[in-house]
Amino acid sequence: MTIYAVSGRFQSRDGFSDFSKTIEAPNESVAEERTYATIGSQHGLKRMQIEIDDVELSSEDVTQWWTKVSSNFSSSHKNSRP
């Protein structure tokens, strides 16, 4: 699965509080749904009280992906020269 960085804000007693979470999910929409479920259950909030501003690939996941791609590329091209 992919790791997503999700950020936004939620309604609290003192106005709004910012949050940032890393969520493991197969795609962005599932990451967003899991964020609603997690923040809602932790703080007793409804979805209307949670605002998600950004869902993007986490830097951890991009680094893992690049390492995997570059190792696959180098190993597949290592023996291709005559």
Protein backbone atom coordinates (compact mmCIF):
# COMPACT_ATOMS: atom_id res chain seq x y z
CA MET A 1 0.00 0.00 0.00
CA THR A 2 0.92 3.61 -0.43
CA ILE A 3 1.59 6.12 2.32
CA TYR A 4 -0.20 9.47 2.03
CA ALA A 5 0.35 12.71 3.93
CA VAL A 6 -3.05 14.23 4.79
CA SER A 7 -3.43 17.70 6.26
CA GLY A 8 -6.31 19.94 7.20
CA ARG A 9 -8.17 21.27 10.22
CA PHE A 10 -11.01 20.29 12.50
CA GLN A 11 -13.45 22.16 14.68
CA SER A 12 -12.49 22.32 18.35
CA ARG A 13 -13.61 24.30 21.41
CA ASP A 14 -11.22 27.14 20.64
CA GLY A 15 -12.07 27.44 16.93
CA PHE A 16 -10.19 25.23 14.49
CA SER A 17 -7.12 23.05 15.09
CA ASP A 18 -4.71 22.03 12.34
CA PHE A 19 -3.70 18.42 11.82
CA SER A 20 -1.27 16.44 9.72
CA LYS A 21 -1.38 12.64 9.49
CA THR A 22 0.28 9.89 7.51
CA ILE A 23 -2.20 7.28 6.34
CA GLU A 24 -1.53 3.98 4.59
CA ALA A 25 -4.09 3.40 1.83
CA PRO A 26 -4.38 2.03 -1.72
CA ASN A 27 -5.40 5.43 -3.18
CA GLU A 28 -6.10 9.08 -2.27
CA SER A 29 -9.85 8.73 -1.77
CA VAL A 30 -9.40 5.86 0.70
CA ALA A 31 -6.74 7.89 2.53
CA GLU A 32 -9.24 10.74 2.81
CA GLU A 33 -11.98 8.41 4.12
CA ARG A 34 -9.63 6.88 6.70
CA THR A 35 -8.65 10.36 7.85
CA TYR A 36 -12.30 11.31 8.42
CA ALA A 37 -12.81 8.09 10.38
CA THR A 38 -9.64 8.50 12.48
CA ILE A 39 -10.04 12.20 13.34
CA GLY A 40 -13.79 11.78 13.88
CA SER A 41 -13.41 8.90 16.30
CA GLN A 42 -10.48 10.45 18.21
CA HIS A 43 -12.21 13.79 18.75
CA GLY A 44 -15.90 12.86 18.61
CA LEU A 45 -16.50 14.87 15.42
CA LYS A 46 -18.77 14.53 12.42
CA ARG A 47 -17.41 14.77 8.89
CA MET A 48 -18.87 18.26 8.53
CA GLN A 49 -16.55 19.43 11.33
CA ILE A 50 -13.41 18.18 9.54
CA GLU A 51 -11.80 19.97 6.58
CA ILE A 52 -9.18 18.11 4.55
CA ASP A 53 -6.97 20.55 2.65
CA ASP A 54 -4.38 18.29 1.04
CA VAL A 55 -3.78 14.60 0.29
CA GLU A 56 -0.43 13.79 -1.31
CA LEU A 57 2.12 11.01 -1.51
CA SER A 58 4.28 10.95 1.58
CA SER A 59 7.99 11.61 1.10
CA GLU A 60 8.65 8.19 2.70
CA ASP A 61 6.65 6.47 -0.01
CA VAL A 62 8.24 8.46 -2.84
CA THR A 63 11.69 7.52 -1.55
CA GLN A 64 10.76 3.82 -1.36
CA TRP A 65 9.23 3.98 -4.86
CA TRP A 66 12.31 5.67 -6.36
CA THR A 67 14.65 3.15 -4.74
CA LYS A 68 12.58 0.27 -6.13
CA VAL A 69 12.38 1.77 -9.65
CA SER A 70 16.08 2.60 -9.84
CA SER A 71 17.12 -0.86 -8.62
CA ASN A 72 14.78 -2.54 -11.14
CA PHE A 73 16.12 -0.32 -13.92
CA SER A 74 19.77 -1.01 -13.15
CA SER A 75 19.28 -4.76 -12.78
CA SER A 76 17.26 -5.05 -16.00
CA HIS A 77 19.84 -3.09 -17.99
CA LYS A 78 22.92 -4.65 -16.43
CA ASN A 79 23.00 -7.69 -18.74
CA SER A 80 21.46 -6.06 -21.83
CA ARG A 81 24.77 -4.89 -23.34
CA PRO A 82 26.35 -7.13 -25.99
